[in-house]
Protein backbone atom coordinates (compact mmCIF):
# COMPACT_ATOMS: atom_id res chain seq x y z
CA MET A 1 41.01 220.15 176.89
CA SER A 2 41.17 217.77 179.80
CA LYS A 3 40.64 218.94 183.36
CA LEU A 4 44.37 218.35 184.00
CA ASP A 5 45.29 220.67 181.11
CA ALA A 6 42.79 223.22 182.42
CA VAL A 7 44.41 223.11 185.87
CA VAL A 8 47.87 223.45 184.31
CA ALA A 9 46.70 226.47 182.34
CA SER A 10 45.15 227.98 185.48
CA VAL A 11 48.02 227.38 187.89
CA GLU A 12 48.89 231.09 188.06
CA PHE A 13 45.31 231.92 188.92
CA ILE A 14 45.23 229.17 191.55
CA HIS A 15 48.35 230.60 193.16
CA ALA A 16 46.98 234.14 193.02
CA ALA A 17 43.68 233.01 194.55
CA CYS A 18 45.43 231.70 197.66
CA SER A 19 45.28 234.32 200.41
CA TRP A 20 48.59 233.18 201.91
CA ASP A 21 52.10 232.75 200.58
CA CYS A 22 52.39 229.32 199.01
CA GLY A 23 53.80 227.25 196.18
CA VAL A 24 51.63 225.33 193.69
CA VAL A 25 52.71 222.15 191.88
CA VAL A 26 50.53 220.28 189.36
CA LEU A 27 51.41 216.59 188.91
CA ASP A 28 50.03 214.09 186.43
CA GLU A 29 49.20 210.52 187.36
CA ASP A 30 52.88 209.56 186.94
CA PHE A 31 53.92 212.29 189.40
CA MET A 32 55.56 214.34 186.65
CA ILE A 33 55.49 218.08 187.24
CA ARG A 34 53.21 219.65 184.63
CA ALA A 35 53.19 223.15 186.10
CA ILE A 36 54.79 224.91 189.06
CA VAL A 37 54.64 228.30 190.74
CA SER A 38 57.56 228.28 193.14
CA THR A 39 58.08 230.36 196.26
CA ASP A 40 60.37 230.12 199.25
CA THR A 41 58.30 227.18 200.44
CA LEU A 42 59.40 224.96 197.52
CA PRO A 43 62.88 223.82 196.55
CA ASN A 44 64.31 226.04 193.79
CA SER A 45 65.57 222.94 191.93
CA LEU A 46 62.05 221.75 191.04
CA LYS A 47 60.95 222.47 187.47
CA VAL A 48 58.43 221.35 184.87
CA GLY A 49 59.27 217.86 183.58
CA ASP A 50 60.76 216.64 186.84
CA LYS A 51 59.29 213.48 188.23
CA LEU A 52 58.61 213.15 191.93
CA GLU A 53 59.08 209.92 193.78
CA PRO A 54 55.88 208.33 195.08
CA GLY A 55 55.30 209.57 198.60
CA PHE A 56 52.97 211.24 201.01
CA PRO A 57 50.74 213.14 200.46
CA HIS A 58 50.46 213.12 196.64
CA ASP A 59 50.71 209.33 196.40
CA THR A 60 47.93 208.85 198.96
CA CYS A 61 45.84 211.53 197.28
CA LEU A 62 46.20 209.74 193.92
CA GLN A 63 45.19 206.41 195.41
CA THR A 64 42.25 207.61 197.53
CA GLN A 65 41.11 210.45 195.25
CA GLN A 66 40.66 212.46 198.45
CA LYS A 67 42.26 215.65 199.70
CA VAL A 68 45.28 214.85 201.86
CA THR A 69 47.18 217.24 204.16
CA HIS A 70 50.67 216.63 205.45
CA VAL A 71 53.03 218.69 207.60
CA HIS A 72 56.62 218.18 206.50
CA GLN A 73 59.38 218.30 209.10
CA ASP A 74 63.11 218.91 208.81
CA GLU A 75 65.78 216.61 210.21
CA ASN A 76 65.36 218.19 213.65
CA GLY A 77 61.65 217.38 213.73
CA LYS A 78 60.62 221.01 213.31
CA ASN A 79 57.53 221.72 211.23
CA ILE A 80 58.61 223.68 208.16
CA MET A 81 55.98 223.11 205.48
CA LYS A 82 52.31 222.23 205.17
CA ILE A 83 51.39 220.40 201.95
CA THR A 84 47.80 219.87 200.85
CA ALA A 85 47.18 217.57 197.88
CA TYR A 86 43.95 217.92 195.84
CA PRO A 87 42.98 215.19 193.35
CA ILE A 88 42.17 216.08 189.74
CA VAL A 89 39.36 213.73 188.74
CA GLU A 90 37.45 213.65 185.45
CA ASP A 91 34.69 211.17 184.64
CA GLY A 92 35.69 209.10 187.67
CA LYS A 93 39.30 208.82 186.51
CA ILE A 94 42.23 210.32 188.42
CA LEU A 95 44.33 212.53 186.14
CA GLY A 96 46.73 214.05 188.59
CA VAL A 97 47.24 216.00 191.80
CA VAL A 98 47.56 219.65 192.76
CA ASN A 99 49.99 220.19 195.63
CA ILE A 100 49.77 223.49 197.53
CA ALA A 101 52.70 224.00 199.89
CA SER A 102 52.88 226.76 202.50
CA SER A 103 55.22 227.63 205.35
CA VAL A 104 53.89 226.80 208.80
CA GLU A 105 56.01 229.49 210.47
CA LYS A 106 53.21 232.07 210.37
CA GLN A 107 50.69 229.43 211.37
CA GLU A 108 52.76 228.42 214.39
CA THR A 109 53.29 232.06 215.32
CA LEU A 110 49.56 232.70 215.06
CA ASN A 111 48.77 229.53 216.96
CA SER A 112 51.27 230.43 219.68
CA SER A 113 49.83 233.94 219.96
CA ALA A 114 46.31 232.52 220.17
CA LYS A 115 47.37 230.17 222.97
CA MET A 116 49.02 233.05 224.81
CA ILE A 117 45.89 235.19 224.42
CA ALA A 118 43.73 232.31 225.63
CA ALA A 119 45.94 231.72 228.68
CA THR A 120 46.04 235.43 229.51
CA ALA A 121 42.29 235.74 229.03
CA ALA A 122 41.72 232.73 231.30
CA GLU A 123 43.95 234.21 234.01
CA MET A 124 42.27 237.61 233.74
CA ALA A 125 38.83 235.99 233.77
CA SER A 126 39.77 234.08 236.92
CA THR A 127 41.12 237.26 238.54
CA THR A 128 38.08 239.31 237.59
CA GLU A 129 35.84 236.55 238.91
CA VAL A 130 37.58 236.82 242.28
CA LEU A 131 37.33 240.62 242.14
CA GLY A 132 33.66 240.35 241.23
CA THR A 133 33.03 238.08 244.23
CA MET A 134 34.89 240.52 246.50
CA ALA A 135 32.96 243.46 245.08
CA ILE A 136 29.64 241.71 245.69
CA LYS A 137 30.72 240.86 249.25
CA LEU A 138 31.81 244.47 249.77
CA ALA A 139 28.43 245.69 248.56
CA GLU A 140 26.71 243.31 250.98
CA ASN A 141 28.89 244.49 253.88
CA LEU A 142 28.27 248.13 253.04
CA GLY A 143 24.56 247.41 252.92
CA GLU A 144 24.76 245.94 256.43
CA ILE A 145 26.78 248.95 257.64
CA ARG A 146 24.22 251.32 256.16
CA SER A 147 21.40 249.42 257.85
CA GLY A 148 23.34 249.47 261.13
CA ASN A 149 23.85 253.24 260.91
CA GLU A 150 20.17 253.74 260.23
CA VAL A 151 19.35 251.68 263.34
CA VAL A 152 21.78 253.80 265.38
CA ILE A 153 20.15 257.01 264.14
CA ASP A 154 16.71 255.64 264.99
CA SER A 155 17.93 254.63 268.44
CA ILE A 156 19.39 258.09 269.04
CA ALA A 157 16.08 259.62 268.00
CA LYS A 158 14.31 257.45 270.59
CA THR A 159 16.66 258.67 273.33
CA ASP A 160 15.27 262.20 272.79
CA GLU A 161 12.04 261.11 274.45
CA ILE A 162 13.92 259.65 277.41
CA LEU A 163 16.02 262.80 277.77
CA ARG A 164 12.90 264.92 277.55
CA PHE A 165 11.38 262.90 280.38
CA VAL A 166 14.56 263.24 282.49
CA SER A 167 14.65 266.97 281.75
CA ASP A 168 11.02 267.30 282.89
CA VAL A 169 11.79 265.37 286.06
CA ALA A 170 14.78 267.63 286.73
CA ALA A 171 12.68 270.75 286.19
CA ASN A 172 9.92 269.46 288.47
CA SER A 173 12.45 268.40 291.07
CA ASN A 174 14.01 271.86 290.98
CA LEU A 175 10.57 273.43 291.42
CA LEU A 176 9.72 271.06 294.26
CA GLY A 177 13.07 271.80 295.89
CA LEU A 178 12.42 275.51 295.63
CA ASN A 179 8.97 275.16 297.16
CA ALA A 180 10.38 272.93 299.88
CA ALA A 181 13.06 275.53 300.67
CA ILE A 182 10.39 278.22 300.99
CA GLU A 183 8.32 276.07 303.36
CA ALA A 184 11.44 275.21 305.38
CA ALA A 185 12.22 278.89 305.73
CA ARG A 186 8.73 279.53 307.01
CA ALA A 187 9.10 276.71 309.54
CA GLY A 188 12.19 278.41 310.94
CA GLU A 189 14.30 276.36 313.30
CA HIS A 190 12.09 273.30 312.85
CA GLY A 191 12.51 273.33 309.11
CA ARG A 192 16.31 273.62 309.04
CA GLY A 193 16.89 269.91 308.34
CA PHE A 194 14.25 269.90 305.68
CA ALA A 195 15.90 272.96 304.09
CA VAL A 196 19.16 270.99 303.69
CA VAL A 197 17.30 268.19 301.96
CA ALA A 198 15.48 270.66 299.71
CA ASP A 199 18.79 272.31 298.78
CA GLU A 200 20.31 268.94 297.83
CA ILE A 201 17.24 268.13 295.73
CA ARG A 202 17.67 271.39 293.87
CA LYS A 203 21.39 270.68 293.31
CA MET A 204 20.54 267.23 291.95
CA ALA A 205 17.90 268.75 289.68
CA VAL A 206 20.37 271.37 288.39
CA ASN A 207 23.07 268.73 287.87
CA SER A 208 20.58 266.42 286.11
CA SER A 209 19.50 269.24 283.84
CA GLY A 210 23.15 269.99 282.98
CA SER A 211 23.86 266.32 282.33
CA VAL A 212 20.83 266.12 280.05
CA SER A 213 22.14 269.11 278.10
CA ASP A 214 25.57 267.49 277.81
CA ILE A 215 24.03 264.20 276.67
CA LYS A 216 21.90 266.01 274.11
CA ARG A 217 24.97 267.77 272.74
CA ILE A 218 26.91 264.49 272.53
CA LEU A 219 24.01 262.65 270.92
CA LYS A 220 23.59 265.48 268.44
CA GLY A 221 27.22 265.10 267.42
CA ILE A 222 26.82 261.31 267.13
CA ARG A 223 23.67 261.78 265.04
CA GLU A 224 25.44 264.20 262.69
CA GLU A 225 28.46 261.92 262.31
CA SER A 226 26.24 258.87 261.84
CA SER A 227 24.32 260.71 259.13
CA LYS A 228 27.61 261.51 257.37
CA VAL A 229 28.75 257.88 257.65
CA THR A 230 25.38 256.71 256.35
CA GLU A 231 25.60 259.05 253.35
CA ILE A 232 29.20 258.00 252.59
CA THR A 233 28.25 254.34 253.00
CA LYS A 234 25.29 254.85 250.69
CA ASN A 235 27.48 256.41 247.99
CA THR A 236 30.14 253.73 248.46
CA PHE A 237 27.46 251.06 248.23
CA VAL A 238 26.32 252.46 244.87
CA LEU A 239 29.93 252.57 243.64
CA SER A 240 30.57 249.00 244.82
CA GLU A 241 27.47 247.81 242.95
CA ARG A 242 28.73 249.53 239.80
CA GLN A 243 32.15 247.97 240.36
CA ALA A 244 30.62 244.51 240.74
CA SER A 245 28.59 245.01 237.58
CA ALA A 246 31.61 246.31 235.64
CA THR A 247 33.75 243.41 236.91
CA GLU A 248 31.16 240.88 235.79
CA GLU A 249 30.97 242.57 232.38
CA PHE A 250 34.77 242.56 232.12
CA ALA A 251 34.88 238.86 233.05
CA ALA A 252 32.30 238.14 230.34
CA LYS A 253 34.46 239.99 227.79
CA MET A 254 37.47 237.95 228.90
CA GLN A 255 35.47 234.81 228.27
CA SER A 256 34.58 236.15 224.82
CA LEU A 257 38.26 236.85 224.23
CA ALA A 258 39.12 233.27 225.17
CA VAL A 259 36.49 232.02 222.71
CA ALA A 260 37.87 234.34 220.03
CA SER A 261 41.38 233.00 220.62
CA ASP A 262 40.06 229.47 220.07
CA GLU A 263 38.62 230.63 216.75
CA VAL A 264 42.01 232.15 215.87
CA LYS A 265 43.65 228.80 216.58
CA LYS A 266 41.15 227.08 214.31
CA ILE A 267 41.87 229.57 211.55
CA ALA A 268 45.60 229.07 212.07
CA ASN A 269 45.16 225.37 211.57
CA LEU A 270 43.42 226.02 208.27
CA ILE A 271 46.25 228.14 206.90
């Protein structure tokens, strides 16, 4: 049995082995149909014994003894069929050609879907890249805010020493004013003017002490609020870092999706 006869006898198996819907035609060297498994991709009028006119791709396949692929178009220029011609060669002699014809509709649909996925993935990757940059910038800004709040808290803590000094001065001034008032009272008429000055010193000391208390209360409130802001900023900073990391990971997955869509397009071209 020649290899051509073997292919003719195996045409059903060849058709069944194809993972996509297709038609299989076995031609001899005179382009006579020796076997055919027809589907919607092949004209229903073709039958065993018919002779095809020389043409592409089976004619080229017969002459070059190489696999030839051709996409057939209708009168409107629309791709309707993909034909792949395989040479049947035995002992260096060409015996015939196996034509496998398949519809390109599914291929074009798959190719179109792959292009759409690739475009969407590219857009999403670009968007996530922008979001990632913004998230990183946000994390940097929050870090600066947190550092600023910590500086404010440290500065407030340093004012405690100043207020303590002012409070001590006020207390000493009050004591000095009291002592001065006592001495003025002892001096009688001669100490009346000094008594007025001593009374004003005491008033200033009392007012200074009250102001120090007010400032302490205000600074305490600022310190408490600053601590809250620092804690919130710290938590937000952690969240922004996680967001930046998640955005970068998402962008990487989008890039992988774009690569996968390219592979899909390659597969579509093989169908």
